[in-house]
Amino acid sequence: MSRTEEVFMPALEGKKIPIISLDNKWYQLMNGLKKTEHMQKLEDELKELLKKQGKLNTECKDIKRLKTKLMNDIVGAIDSDDAASTQEENKKRIAECNDRLEQYQDELLDLPKEIDRVNYDLMLETMELCYQIIQDNTSQIEEISDWIKQIRIELKKNLVKKQECEIKTQEMYSYMHDIFGPQVIDIFDLKYNPGEEHVVHKKKEDVNES
């Protein structure tokens, strides 16, 4: 017994389960999911059983209409010349209708149980598949969440390091500018713009020509 059956079978005991293959929400749930071979087999079997049930119900209605017509024909033919032969023929056809109705009704009595069984198995297969996908997705979510958390920590560290470098660079440039003067700083080809986030190197001009 699978984990899904162990968990959900007791909770579903005695409850009426909607026919899954007739529920549009089931098809929306399965959209983009790959059904197992067993699921596809159960779905096809369920559809065939429902199709058979519908066909039998239609056959029963048609037979009942025919039976009513035959009985009316018997009554209407009482005074006719061929009343005896008509009645005999109609009685024979009515008997055939009764036999077919009995056969079909017996099948219709068993079909709901079979439909419920296949539908129940298909529901469990669906839940098993969805449960596994949810478990896999949850693992990925946790893994990605840990990665994001680690990246955020590294990002904060690097932001602090960046700010420290900017402050140190600004202080050094300011001290060098005050001590050596701008001409000396230009010789070293350094320029610091407080409004920018970094130190830039100016293209060094030919000092001998200046």
N, C-alpha and C. Protein backbone atom coordinates (compact mmCIF):
# COMPACT_ATOMS: atom_id res chain seq x y z
N MET A 1 0.85 -1.20 0.00
CA MET A 1 0.00 0.00 0.00
C MET A 1 0.88 1.25 0.00
N SER A 2 0.56 2.19 -0.88
CA SER A 2 1.35 3.41 -0.99
C SER A 2 1.05 4.35 0.17
N ARG A 3 1.91 5.35 0.32
CA ARG A 3 1.73 6.34 1.40
C ARG A 3 0.41 7.08 1.22
N THR A 4 0.06 7.40 -0.05
CA THR A 4 -1.19 8.11 -0.31
C THR A 4 -2.38 7.30 0.17
N GLU A 5 -2.40 6.00 -0.13
CA GLU A 5 -3.49 5.14 0.30
C GLU A 5 -3.55 5.06 1.81
N GLU A 6 -2.40 4.95 2.46
CA GLU A 6 -2.36 4.87 3.92
C GLU A 6 -2.93 6.13 4.55
N VAL A 7 -2.65 7.27 3.95
CA VAL A 7 -3.06 8.56 4.53
C VAL A 7 -4.51 8.88 4.21
N PHE A 8 -4.93 8.66 2.96
CA PHE A 8 -6.22 9.17 2.52
C PHE A 8 -7.35 8.15 2.52
N MET A 9 -7.05 6.86 2.43
CA MET A 9 -8.13 5.88 2.38
C MET A 9 -9.03 5.91 3.61
N PRO A 10 -8.46 5.99 4.83
CA PRO A 10 -9.36 6.06 6.00
C PRO A 10 -10.25 7.30 5.99
N ALA A 11 -9.70 8.44 5.53
CA ALA A 11 -10.47 9.68 5.52
C ALA A 11 -11.59 9.65 4.49
N LEU A 12 -11.40 8.87 3.43
CA LEU A 12 -12.39 8.82 2.34
C LEU A 12 -13.40 7.70 2.52
N GLU A 13 -13.24 6.91 3.56
CA GLU A 13 -14.12 5.77 3.79
C GLU A 13 -15.58 6.22 3.87
N GLY A 14 -16.41 5.63 3.01
CA GLY A 14 -17.84 5.91 3.05
C GLY A 14 -18.27 7.21 2.38
N LYS A 15 -17.34 7.96 1.83
CA LYS A 15 -17.69 9.24 1.21
C LYS A 15 -17.91 9.05 -0.29
N LYS A 16 -18.86 9.81 -0.83
CA LYS A 16 -19.16 9.76 -2.25
C LYS A 16 -18.16 10.63 -3.00
N ILE A 17 -17.47 10.02 -3.95
CA ILE A 17 -16.44 10.72 -4.70
C ILE A 17 -17.00 11.10 -6.07
N PRO A 18 -16.91 12.37 -6.46
CA PRO A 18 -17.38 12.77 -7.80
C PRO A 18 -16.62 12.02 -8.89
N ILE A 19 -17.27 11.80 -10.02
CA ILE A 19 -16.62 11.13 -11.15
C ILE A 19 -15.53 12.06 -11.70
N ILE A 20 -14.29 11.65 -11.54
CA ILE A 20 -13.16 12.51 -11.88
C ILE A 20 -13.13 12.88 -13.36
N SER A 21 -13.36 11.91 -14.21
CA SER A 21 -13.22 12.16 -15.65
C SER A 21 -14.32 13.05 -16.20
N LEU A 22 -15.34 13.34 -15.38
CA LEU A 22 -16.40 14.26 -15.79
C LEU A 22 -16.21 15.65 -15.19
N ASP A 23 -15.15 15.80 -14.40
CA ASP A 23 -14.89 17.07 -13.70
C ASP A 23 -13.83 17.85 -14.46
N ASN A 24 -14.20 19.03 -14.97
CA ASN A 24 -13.26 19.85 -15.73
C ASN A 24 -12.07 20.28 -14.88
N LYS A 25 -12.29 20.40 -13.57
CA LYS A 25 -11.19 20.80 -12.68
C LYS A 25 -10.10 19.74 -12.64
N TRP A 26 -10.49 18.48 -12.82
CA TRP A 26 -9.48 17.41 -12.85
C TRP A 26 -8.58 17.57 -14.07
N TYR A 27 -9.18 17.92 -15.20
CA TYR A 27 -8.39 18.12 -16.41
C TYR A 27 -7.49 19.35 -16.27
N GLN A 28 -7.98 20.38 -15.57
CA GLN A 28 -7.13 21.55 -15.30
C GLN A 28 -5.97 21.18 -14.38
N LEU A 29 -6.26 20.34 -13.40
CA LEU A 29 -5.21 19.87 -12.49
C LEU A 29 -4.15 19.07 -13.23
N MET A 30 -4.58 18.25 -14.18
CA MET A 30 -3.66 17.39 -14.90
C MET A 30 -2.98 18.09 -16.06
N ASN A 31 -3.39 19.32 -16.36
CA ASN A 31 -2.78 20.06 -17.47
C ASN A 31 -1.28 20.26 -17.24
N GLY A 32 -0.48 19.77 -18.16
CA GLY A 32 0.97 19.90 -18.03
C GLY A 32 1.62 18.77 -17.25
N LEU A 33 0.81 17.88 -16.65
CA LEU A 33 1.36 16.76 -15.90
C LEU A 33 1.35 15.50 -16.77
N LYS A 34 2.36 14.69 -16.61
CA LYS A 34 2.44 13.44 -17.38
C LYS A 34 1.78 12.33 -16.59
N LYS A 35 0.69 11.80 -17.14
CA LYS A 35 -0.01 10.71 -16.47
C LYS A 35 0.79 9.42 -16.56
N THR A 36 0.68 8.62 -15.51
CA THR A 36 1.31 7.31 -15.55
C THR A 36 0.49 6.40 -16.46
N GLU A 37 1.09 5.30 -16.89
CA GLU A 37 0.38 4.35 -17.75
C GLU A 37 -0.86 3.80 -17.05
N HIS A 38 -0.72 3.55 -15.75
CA HIS A 38 -1.85 3.03 -14.99
C HIS A 38 -2.98 4.06 -14.91
N MET A 39 -2.62 5.32 -14.73
CA MET A 39 -3.63 6.38 -14.70
C MET A 39 -4.38 6.46 -16.02
N GLN A 40 -3.65 6.40 -17.12
CA GLN A 40 -4.27 6.48 -18.43
C GLN A 40 -5.20 5.29 -18.66
N LYS A 41 -4.76 4.12 -18.20
CA LYS A 41 -5.58 2.92 -18.33
C LYS A 41 -6.87 3.06 -17.53
N LEU A 42 -6.76 3.57 -16.30
CA LEU A 42 -7.95 3.76 -15.46
C LEU A 42 -8.89 4.80 -16.07
N GLU A 43 -8.32 5.88 -16.59
CA GLU A 43 -9.14 6.92 -17.21
C GLU A 43 -9.91 6.35 -18.41
N ASP A 44 -9.23 5.59 -19.26
CA ASP A 44 -9.88 4.99 -20.42
C ASP A 44 -10.97 4.00 -20.00
N GLU A 45 -10.66 3.22 -18.96
CA GLU A 45 -11.63 2.25 -18.47
C GLU A 45 -12.86 2.95 -17.91
N LEU A 46 -12.64 4.03 -17.18
CA LEU A 46 -13.74 4.79 -16.59
C LEU A 46 -14.64 5.39 -17.69
N LYS A 47 -14.01 5.93 -18.71
CA LYS A 47 -14.77 6.50 -19.82
C LYS A 47 -15.61 5.44 -20.52
N GLU A 48 -15.04 4.25 -20.70
CA GLU A 48 -15.78 3.17 -21.35
C GLU A 48 -16.96 2.73 -20.50
N LEU A 49 -16.77 2.65 -19.19
CA LEU A 49 -17.86 2.26 -18.30
C LEU A 49 -18.99 3.29 -18.32
N LEU A 50 -18.63 4.57 -18.31
CA LEU A 50 -19.64 5.63 -18.36
C LEU A 50 -20.37 5.62 -19.70
N LYS A 51 -19.61 5.36 -20.76
CA LYS A 51 -20.21 5.27 -22.09
C LYS A 51 -21.20 4.10 -22.15
N LYS A 52 -20.80 2.98 -21.57
CA LYS A 52 -21.67 1.80 -21.54
C LYS A 52 -22.92 2.08 -20.73
N GLN A 53 -22.76 2.75 -19.60
CA GLN A 53 -23.91 3.09 -18.76
C GLN A 53 -24.90 3.99 -19.50
N GLY A 54 -24.36 4.98 -20.19
CA GLY A 54 -25.21 5.88 -20.96
C GLY A 54 -25.95 5.14 -22.07
N LYS A 55 -25.24 4.24 -22.74
CA LYS A 55 -25.84 3.48 -23.84
C LYS A 55 -26.95 2.56 -23.32
N LEU A 56 -26.70 1.91 -22.17
CA LEU A 56 -27.70 1.01 -21.60
C LEU A 56 -28.95 1.78 -21.17
N ASN A 57 -28.76 2.94 -20.58
CA ASN A 57 -29.90 3.77 -20.17
C ASN A 57 -30.74 4.17 -21.38
N THR A 58 -30.05 4.53 -22.46
CA THR A 58 -30.77 4.90 -23.69
C THR A 58 -31.52 3.71 -24.27
N GLU A 59 -30.86 2.53 -24.25
CA GLU A 59 -31.49 1.31 -24.76
C GLU A 59 -32.74 0.97 -23.95
N CYS A 60 -32.64 1.12 -22.64
CA CYS A 60 -33.79 0.81 -21.78
C CYS A 60 -34.97 1.73 -22.08
N LYS A 61 -34.68 3.00 -22.28
CA LYS A 61 -35.76 3.96 -22.60
C LYS A 61 -36.41 3.59 -23.94
N ASP A 62 -35.58 3.23 -24.92
CA ASP A 62 -36.11 2.88 -26.23
C ASP A 62 -36.97 1.61 -26.16
N ILE A 63 -36.49 0.63 -25.38
CA ILE A 63 -37.24 -0.62 -25.25
C ILE A 63 -38.58 -0.38 -24.54
N LYS A 64 -38.57 0.47 -23.53
CA LYS A 64 -39.82 0.77 -22.81
C LYS A 64 -40.82 1.47 -23.73
N ARG A 65 -40.32 2.36 -24.59
CA ARG A 65 -41.22 3.03 -25.54
C ARG A 65 -41.80 2.02 -26.53
N LEU A 66 -40.92 1.12 -27.00
CA LEU A 66 -41.38 0.09 -27.94
C LEU A 66 -42.40 -0.83 -27.26
N LYS A 67 -42.15 -1.20 -26.04
CA LYS A 67 -43.05 -2.08 -25.29
C LYS A 67 -44.42 -1.42 -25.11
N THR A 68 -44.42 -0.12 -24.80
CA THR A 68 -45.68 0.62 -24.65
C THR A 68 -46.45 0.65 -25.97
N LYS A 69 -45.73 0.88 -27.07
CA LYS A 69 -46.36 0.92 -28.38
C LYS A 69 -46.96 -0.44 -28.74
N LEU A 70 -46.23 -1.51 -28.46
CA LEU A 70 -46.72 -2.86 -28.75
C LEU A 70 -47.98 -3.19 -27.95
N MET A 71 -47.98 -2.78 -26.70
CA MET A 71 -49.15 -3.02 -25.86
C MET A 71 -50.36 -2.23 -26.36
N ASN A 72 -50.11 -0.99 -26.79
CA ASN A 72 -51.20 -0.19 -27.35
C ASN A 72 -51.72 -0.79 -28.65
N ASP A 73 -50.80 -1.34 -29.44
CA ASP A 73 -51.20 -1.96 -30.69
C ASP A 73 -52.08 -3.18 -30.44
N ILE A 74 -51.79 -3.92 -29.37
CA ILE A 74 -52.60 -5.09 -29.03
C ILE A 74 -54.03 -4.68 -28.70
N VAL A 75 -54.14 -3.61 -27.91
CA VAL A 75 -55.48 -3.11 -27.53
C VAL A 75 -56.21 -2.58 -28.75
N GLY A 76 -55.48 -1.86 -29.61
CA GLY A 76 -56.12 -1.26 -30.78
C GLY A 76 -56.51 -2.27 -31.84
N ALA A 77 -55.92 -3.46 -31.81
CA ALA A 77 -56.18 -4.45 -32.85
C ALA A 77 -57.20 -5.51 -32.44
N ILE A 78 -57.86 -5.30 -31.30
CA ILE A 78 -58.80 -6.31 -30.79
C ILE A 78 -59.93 -6.59 -31.78
N ASP A 79 -60.46 -5.54 -32.40
CA ASP A 79 -61.61 -5.71 -33.30
C ASP A 79 -61.22 -5.93 -34.76
N SER A 80 -59.94 -6.00 -35.04
CA SER A 80 -59.50 -6.17 -36.43
C SER A 80 -59.56 -7.63 -36.83
N ASP A 81 -59.54 -7.87 -38.15
CA ASP A 81 -59.63 -9.23 -38.66
C ASP A 81 -58.43 -10.10 -38.28
N ASP A 82 -57.28 -9.48 -38.25
CA ASP A 82 -56.06 -10.22 -37.91
C ASP A 82 -55.62 -9.97 -36.47
N ALA A 83 -56.61 -9.76 -35.59
CA ALA A 83 -56.31 -9.45 -34.19
C ALA A 83 -55.49 -10.53 -33.51
N ALA A 84 -55.84 -11.76 -33.78
CA ALA A 84 -55.15 -12.88 -33.11
C ALA A 84 -53.68 -12.93 -33.48
N SER A 85 -53.41 -12.84 -34.78
CA SER A 85 -52.01 -12.91 -35.23
C SER A 85 -51.22 -11.70 -34.76
N THR A 86 -51.87 -10.53 -34.78
CA THR A 86 -51.19 -9.30 -34.32
C THR A 86 -50.87 -9.38 -32.84
N GLN A 87 -51.85 -9.85 -32.08
CA GLN A 87 -51.63 -9.98 -30.63
C GLN A 87 -50.52 -10.99 -30.34
N GLU A 88 -50.52 -12.08 -31.06
CA GLU A 88 -49.50 -13.11 -30.82
C GLU A 88 -48.11 -12.58 -31.14
N GLU A 89 -48.01 -11.88 -32.28
CA GLU A 89 -46.71 -11.32 -32.67
C GLU A 89 -46.24 -10.27 -31.67
N ASN A 90 -47.16 -9.40 -31.25
CA ASN A 90 -46.79 -8.33 -30.30
C ASN A 90 -46.43 -8.90 -28.93
N LYS A 91 -47.13 -9.93 -28.51
CA LYS A 91 -46.81 -10.56 -27.22
C LYS A 91 -45.40 -11.16 -27.26
N LYS A 92 -45.08 -11.76 -28.41
CA LYS A 92 -43.73 -12.33 -28.57
C LYS A 92 -42.67 -11.23 -28.49
N ARG A 93 -42.93 -10.10 -29.15
CA ARG A 93 -41.98 -8.98 -29.13
C ARG A 93 -41.91 -8.34 -27.75
N ILE A 94 -43.05 -8.30 -27.05
CA ILE A 94 -43.06 -7.76 -25.68
C ILE A 94 -42.23 -8.64 -24.76
N ALA A 95 -42.33 -9.94 -24.94
CA ALA A 95 -41.52 -10.88 -24.14
C ALA A 95 -40.03 -10.66 -24.39
N GLU A 96 -39.69 -10.44 -25.65
CA GLU A 96 -38.29 -10.15 -25.99
C GLU A 96 -37.85 -8.84 -25.34
N CYS A 97 -38.71 -7.86 -25.34
CA CYS A 97 -38.40 -6.57 -24.69
C CYS A 97 -38.15 -6.76 -23.20
N ASN A 98 -38.99 -7.60 -22.58
CA ASN A 98 -38.84 -7.85 -21.14
C ASN A 98 -37.51 -8.54 -20.84
N ASP A 99 -37.14 -9.49 -21.68
CA ASP A 99 -35.86 -10.19 -21.49
C ASP A 99 -34.68 -9.22 -21.62
N ARG A 100 -34.73 -8.39 -22.63
CA ARG A 100 -33.65 -7.41 -22.84
C ARG A 100 -33.61 -6.40 -21.71
N LEU A 101 -34.78 -5.94 -21.25
CA LEU A 101 -34.83 -4.99 -20.14
C LEU A 101 -34.23 -5.59 -18.87
N GLU A 102 -34.56 -6.84 -18.64
CA GLU A 102 -34.04 -7.52 -17.45
C GLU A 102 -32.52 -7.63 -17.52
N GLN A 103 -32.02 -7.99 -18.70
CA GLN A 103 -30.57 -8.11 -18.89
C GLN A 103 -29.88 -6.76 -18.70
N TYR A 104 -30.41 -5.73 -19.33
CA TYR A 104 -29.80 -4.40 -19.25
C TYR A 104 -29.87 -3.84 -17.83
N GLN A 105 -30.99 -4.07 -17.17
CA GLN A 105 -31.15 -3.54 -15.81
C GLN A 105 -30.22 -4.24 -14.83
N ASP A 106 -29.97 -5.53 -15.08
CA ASP A 106 -28.99 -6.24 -14.25
C ASP A 106 -27.60 -5.63 -14.41
N GLU A 107 -27.26 -5.34 -15.67
CA GLU A 107 -25.96 -4.71 -15.94
C GLU A 107 -25.89 -3.32 -15.31
N LEU A 108 -26.98 -2.59 -15.38
CA LEU A 108 -27.01 -1.23 -14.81
C LEU A 108 -26.90 -1.25 -13.29
N LEU A 109 -27.32 -2.35 -12.66
CA LEU A 109 -27.19 -2.46 -11.21
C LEU A 109 -25.73 -2.64 -10.80
N ASP A 110 -24.97 -3.35 -11.64
CA ASP A 110 -23.56 -3.62 -11.32
C ASP A 110 -22.63 -2.48 -11.73
N LEU A 111 -23.01 -1.72 -12.75
CA LEU A 111 -22.12 -0.69 -13.30
C LEU A 111 -21.72 0.39 -12.30
N PRO A 112 -22.65 0.93 -11.49
CA PRO A 112 -22.24 1.99 -10.56
C PRO A 112 -21.12 1.58 -9.60
N LYS A 113 -21.17 0.33 -9.13
CA LYS A 113 -20.11 -0.15 -8.25
C LYS A 113 -18.77 -0.21 -8.97
N GLU A 114 -18.82 -0.68 -10.23
CA GLU A 114 -17.59 -0.78 -11.02
C GLU A 114 -17.05 0.61 -11.34
N ILE A 115 -17.95 1.52 -11.66
CA ILE A 115 -17.55 2.91 -11.95
C ILE A 115 -16.91 3.55 -10.72
N ASP A 116 -17.53 3.34 -9.56
CA ASP A 116 -16.99 3.90 -8.31
C ASP A 116 -15.62 3.32 -8.01
N ARG A 117 -15.44 2.03 -8.25
CA ARG A 117 -14.15 1.39 -7.96
C ARG A 117 -13.04 1.98 -8.83
N VAL A 118 -13.30 2.06 -10.14
CA VAL A 118 -12.29 2.59 -11.07
C VAL A 118 -12.04 4.07 -10.78
N ASN A 119 -13.11 4.80 -10.50
CA ASN A 119 -12.98 6.22 -10.20
C ASN A 119 -12.16 6.44 -8.93
N TYR A 120 -12.39 5.59 -7.93
CA TYR A 120 -11.64 5.67 -6.67
C TYR A 120 -10.15 5.40 -6.91
N ASP A 121 -9.86 4.36 -7.70
CA ASP A 121 -8.46 4.03 -8.00
C ASP A 121 -7.80 5.17 -8.77
N LEU A 122 -8.54 5.78 -9.70
CA LEU A 122 -7.98 6.89 -10.48
C LEU A 122 -7.72 8.10 -9.59
N MET A 123 -8.60 8.32 -8.63
CA MET A 123 -8.40 9.43 -7.70
C MET A 123 -7.13 9.22 -6.86
N LEU A 124 -6.94 7.98 -6.38
CA LEU A 124 -5.75 7.68 -5.59
C LEU A 124 -4.47 7.83 -6.42
N GLU A 125 -4.53 7.39 -7.67
CA GLU A 125 -3.38 7.54 -8.57
C GLU A 125 -3.08 9.02 -8.81
N THR A 126 -4.13 9.81 -8.95
CA THR A 126 -3.96 11.26 -9.16
C THR A 126 -3.32 11.90 -7.94
N MET A 127 -3.79 11.52 -6.77
CA MET A 127 -3.25 12.09 -5.53
C MET A 127 -1.80 11.66 -5.31
N GLU A 128 -1.52 10.42 -5.68
CA GLU A 128 -0.14 9.91 -5.56
C GLU A 128 0.81 10.72 -6.44
N LEU A 129 0.37 10.96 -7.69
CA LEU A 129 1.20 11.73 -8.62
C LEU A 129 1.38 13.17 -8.13
N CYS A 130 0.28 13.79 -7.72
CA CYS A 130 0.35 15.19 -7.25
C CYS A 130 1.17 15.29 -5.97
N TYR A 131 1.02 14.30 -5.09
CA TYR A 131 1.78 14.29 -3.84
C TYR A 131 3.28 14.26 -4.13
N GLN A 132 3.68 13.41 -5.09
CA GLN A 132 5.10 13.29 -5.42
C GLN A 132 5.62 14.59 -6.02
N ILE A 133 4.82 15.20 -6.90
CA ILE A 133 5.23 16.47 -7.52
C ILE A 133 5.35 17.57 -6.47
N ILE A 134 4.39 17.61 -5.54
CA ILE A 134 4.44 18.61 -4.47
C ILE A 134 5.67 18.41 -3.60
N GLN A 135 5.99 17.13 -3.31
CA GLN A 135 7.18 16.84 -2.52
C GLN A 135 8.44 17.31 -3.25
N ASP A 136 8.53 17.02 -4.54
CA ASP A 136 9.69 17.45 -5.33
C ASP A 136 9.78 18.97 -5.39
N ASN A 137 8.64 19.62 -5.62
CA ASN A 137 8.62 21.08 -5.67
C ASN A 137 9.02 21.70 -4.34
N THR A 138 8.55 21.09 -3.26
CA THR A 138 8.88 21.59 -1.92
C THR A 138 10.38 21.51 -1.67
N SER A 139 10.99 20.40 -2.09
CA SER A 139 12.45 20.25 -1.94
C SER A 139 13.19 21.33 -2.73
N GLN A 140 12.72 21.58 -3.96
CA GLN A 140 13.35 22.61 -4.78
C GLN A 140 13.15 24.00 -4.17
N ILE A 141 11.96 24.25 -3.64
CA ILE A 141 11.68 25.55 -3.02
C ILE A 141 12.61 25.77 -1.83
N GLU A 142 12.77 24.73 -1.01
CA GLU A 142 13.66 24.85 0.16
C GLU A 142 15.10 25.07 -0.29
N GLU A 143 15.53 24.33 -1.31
CA GLU A 143 16.89 24.46 -1.82
C GLU A 143 17.15 25.87 -2.37
N ILE A 144 16.20 26.37 -3.15
CA ILE A 144 16.33 27.71 -3.73
C ILE A 144 16.27 28.78 -2.64
N SER A 145 15.41 28.55 -1.65
CA SER A 145 15.31 29.51 -0.53
C SER A 145 16.62 29.60 0.23
N ASP A 146 17.26 28.44 0.45
CA ASP A 146 18.57 28.44 1.12
C ASP A 146 19.60 29.18 0.28
N TRP A 147 19.55 28.96 -1.05
CA TRP A 147 20.48 29.64 -1.96
C TRP A 147 20.27 31.16 -1.90
N ILE A 148 19.02 31.57 -1.94
CA ILE A 148 18.71 33.01 -1.87
C ILE A 148 19.18 33.60 -0.55
N LYS A 149 18.96 32.85 0.52
CA LYS A 149 19.39 33.32 1.86
C LYS A 149 20.90 33.51 1.90
N GLN A 150 21.63 32.53 1.33
CA GLN A 150 23.09 32.61 1.31
C GLN A 150 23.56 33.76 0.45
N ILE A 151 22.90 33.94 -0.70
CA ILE A 151 23.26 35.04 -1.60
C ILE A 151 23.03 36.39 -0.92
N ARG A 152 21.95 36.49 -0.18
CA ARG A 152 21.65 37.74 0.53
C ARG A 152 22.74 38.04 1.57
N ILE A 153 23.19 36.98 2.25
CA ILE A 153 24.27 37.17 3.23
C ILE A 153 25.54 37.65 2.54
N GLU A 154 25.88 36.97 1.41
CA GLU A 154 27.06 37.36 0.66
C GLU A 154 26.92 38.77 0.10
N LEU A 155 25.72 39.10 -0.35
CA LEU A 155 25.47 40.44 -0.88
C LEU A 155 25.68 41.51 0.19
N LYS A 156 25.17 41.24 1.38
CA LYS A 156 25.34 42.20 2.48
C LYS A 156 26.82 42.37 2.83
N LYS A 157 27.54 41.24 2.85
CA LYS A 157 28.98 41.31 3.15
C LYS A 157 29.72 42.13 2.10
N ASN A 158 29.39 41.88 0.83
CA ASN A 158 30.06 42.61 -0.24
C ASN A 158 29.69 44.08 -0.27
N LEU A 159 28.45 44.39 0.10
CA LEU A 159 28.05 45.80 0.18
C LEU A 159 28.84 46.54 1.26
N VAL A 160 29.00 45.85 2.40
CA VAL A 160 29.79 46.44 3.48
C VAL A 160 31.24 46.62 3.05
N LYS A 161 31.80 45.58 2.38
CA LYS A 161 33.18 45.64 1.91
C LYS A 161 33.34 46.77 0.89
N LYS A 162 32.36 46.91 0.01
CA LYS A 162 32.39 47.97 -1.00
C LYS A 162 32.39 49.35 -0.35
N GLN A 163 31.51 49.51 0.65
CA GLN A 163 31.44 50.79 1.35
C GLN A 163 32.74 51.10 2.08
N GLU A 164 33.34 50.07 2.68
CA GLU A 164 34.61 50.26 3.39
C GLU A 164 35.71 50.69 2.41
N CYS A 165 35.75 50.05 1.24
CA CYS A 165 36.74 50.40 0.22
C CYS A 165 36.54 51.83 -0.27
N GLU A 166 35.29 52.22 -0.46
CA GLU A 166 35.00 53.59 -0.92
C GLU A 166 35.43 54.62 0.11
N ILE A 167 35.13 54.33 1.37
CA ILE A 167 35.51 55.28 2.43
C ILE A 167 37.02 55.38 2.54
N LYS A 168 37.71 54.22 2.51
CA LYS A 168 39.18 54.21 2.63
C LYS A 168 39.82 54.93 1.45
N THR A 169 39.29 54.67 0.23
CA THR A 169 39.82 55.32 -0.97
C THR A 169 39.63 56.83 -0.91
N GLN A 170 38.47 57.25 -0.47
CA GLN A 170 38.20 58.69 -0.36
C GLN A 170 39.13 59.35 0.64
N GLU A 171 39.36 58.68 1.76
CA GLU A 171 40.26 59.23 2.79
C GLU A 171 41.68 59.32 2.25
N MET A 172 42.14 58.24 1.58
CA MET A 172 43.51 58.24 1.06
C MET A 172 43.70 59.32 0.00
N TYR A 173 42.74 59.43 -0.89
CA TYR A 173 42.84 60.46 -1.93
C TYR A 173 42.88 61.85 -1.31
N SER A 174 42.02 62.05 -0.31
CA SER A 174 41.95 63.37 0.33
C SER A 174 43.28 63.71 1.01
N TYR A 175 43.85 62.75 1.73
CA TYR A 175 45.13 62.98 2.40
C TYR A 175 46.24 63.22 1.40
N MET A 176 46.31 62.41 0.35
CA MET A 176 47.35 62.58 -0.66
C MET A 176 47.22 63.92 -1.37
N HIS A 177 45.98 64.32 -1.62
CA HIS A 177 45.75 65.61 -2.27
C HIS A 177 46.23 66.76 -1.39
N ASP A 178 45.91 66.64 -0.08
CA ASP A 178 46.32 67.70 0.84
C ASP A 178 47.83 67.72 1.04
N ILE A 179 48.46 66.56 1.10
CA ILE A 179 49.90 66.49 1.41
C ILE A 179 50.74 66.82 0.19
N PHE A 180 50.40 66.18 -0.98
CA PHE A 180 51.26 66.33 -2.15
C PHE A 180 50.80 67.40 -3.14
N GLY A 181 49.53 67.76 -3.04
CA GLY A 181 49.03 68.77 -3.96
C GLY A 181 48.48 68.14 -5.22
N PRO A 182 47.65 68.86 -5.95
CA PRO A 182 47.00 68.30 -7.16
C PRO A 182 47.99 67.97 -8.27
N GLN A 183 49.10 68.74 -8.38
CA GLN A 183 50.05 68.48 -9.46
C GLN A 183 50.68 67.10 -9.32
N VAL A 184 51.04 66.76 -8.10
CA VAL A 184 51.65 65.46 -7.86
C VAL A 184 50.65 64.33 -8.10
N ILE A 185 49.42 64.56 -7.67
CA ILE A 185 48.38 63.55 -7.89
C ILE A 185 48.19 63.30 -9.38
N ASP A 186 48.23 64.40 -10.17
CA ASP A 186 48.07 64.25 -11.61
C ASP A 186 49.20 63.43 -12.21
N ILE A 187 50.41 63.59 -11.67
CA ILE A 187 51.55 62.82 -12.17
C ILE A 187 51.31 61.32 -11.99
N PHE A 188 50.68 60.98 -10.88
CA PHE A 188 50.37 59.56 -10.62
C PHE A 188 49.11 59.09 -11.37
N ASP A 189 48.55 60.02 -12.16
CA ASP A 189 47.44 59.66 -13.02
C ASP A 189 46.23 59.16 -12.23
N LEU A 190 45.96 59.81 -11.12
CA LEU A 190 44.83 59.41 -10.28
C LEU A 190 43.85 60.55 -10.17
N LYS A 191 42.64 60.20 -10.21
CA LYS A 191 41.60 61.19 -9.99
C LYS A 191 40.46 60.53 -9.25
N TYR A 192 39.95 61.17 -8.23
CA TYR A 192 38.84 60.63 -7.47
C TYR A 192 37.69 61.61 -7.52
N ASN A 193 36.56 61.17 -7.95
CA ASN A 193 35.36 62.01 -7.99
C ASN A 193 34.43 61.57 -6.87
N PRO A 194 34.24 62.39 -5.86
CA PRO A 194 33.39 62.01 -4.73
C PRO A 194 31.97 61.67 -5.16
N GLY A 195 31.53 62.26 -6.26
CA GLY A 195 30.17 61.98 -6.72
C GLY A 195 30.03 60.64 -7.39
N GLU A 196 31.14 59.97 -7.77
CA GLU A 196 31.11 58.66 -8.39
C GLU A 196 31.39 57.59 -7.35
N GLU A 197 31.24 56.34 -7.73
CA GLU A 197 31.39 55.26 -6.77
C GLU A 197 32.76 54.61 -6.83
N HIS A 198 33.69 55.16 -7.64
CA HIS A 198 34.96 54.48 -7.77
C HIS A 198 36.04 55.47 -8.19
N VAL A 199 37.25 55.02 -8.11
CA VAL A 199 38.40 55.80 -8.56
C VAL A 199 38.60 55.51 -10.03
N VAL A 200 38.81 56.55 -10.83
CA VAL A 200 39.04 56.36 -12.24
C VAL A 200 40.43 56.81 -12.60
N HIS A 201 41.00 56.19 -13.60
CA HIS A 201 42.32 56.56 -14.11
C HIS A 201 42.12 57.48 -15.31
N LYS A 202 42.67 58.71 -15.22
CA LYS A 202 42.66 59.61 -16.37
C LYS A 202 43.71 59.13 -17.36
N LYS A 203 43.43 59.43 -18.61
CA LYS A 203 44.43 59.13 -19.62
C LYS A 203 45.61 60.04 -19.39
N LYS A 204 46.75 59.46 -19.17
CA LYS A 204 47.94 60.21 -18.84
C LYS A 204 48.42 61.02 -20.06
N GLU A 205 48.59 62.31 -19.80
CA GLU A 205 49.11 63.17 -20.86
C GLU A 205 50.63 63.23 -20.79
N ASP A 206 51.20 63.58 -21.83
CA ASP A 206 52.66 63.67 -21.88
C ASP A 206 53.11 64.80 -20.97
N VAL A 207 53.70 64.45 -19.80
CA VAL A 207 54.11 65.46 -18.81
C VAL A 207 55.18 66.37 -19.40
N ASN A 208 56.03 65.83 -20.24
CA ASN A 208 57.12 66.64 -20.79
C ASN A 208 56.59 67.74 -21.66
N GLU A 209 55.36 67.56 -22.28
CA GLU A 209 54.82 68.60 -23.14
C GLU A 209 54.08 69.64 -22.35
N SER A 210 53.64 69.32 -21.05
CA SER A 210 52.86 70.29 -20.27
C SER A 210 53.76 71.34 -19.66
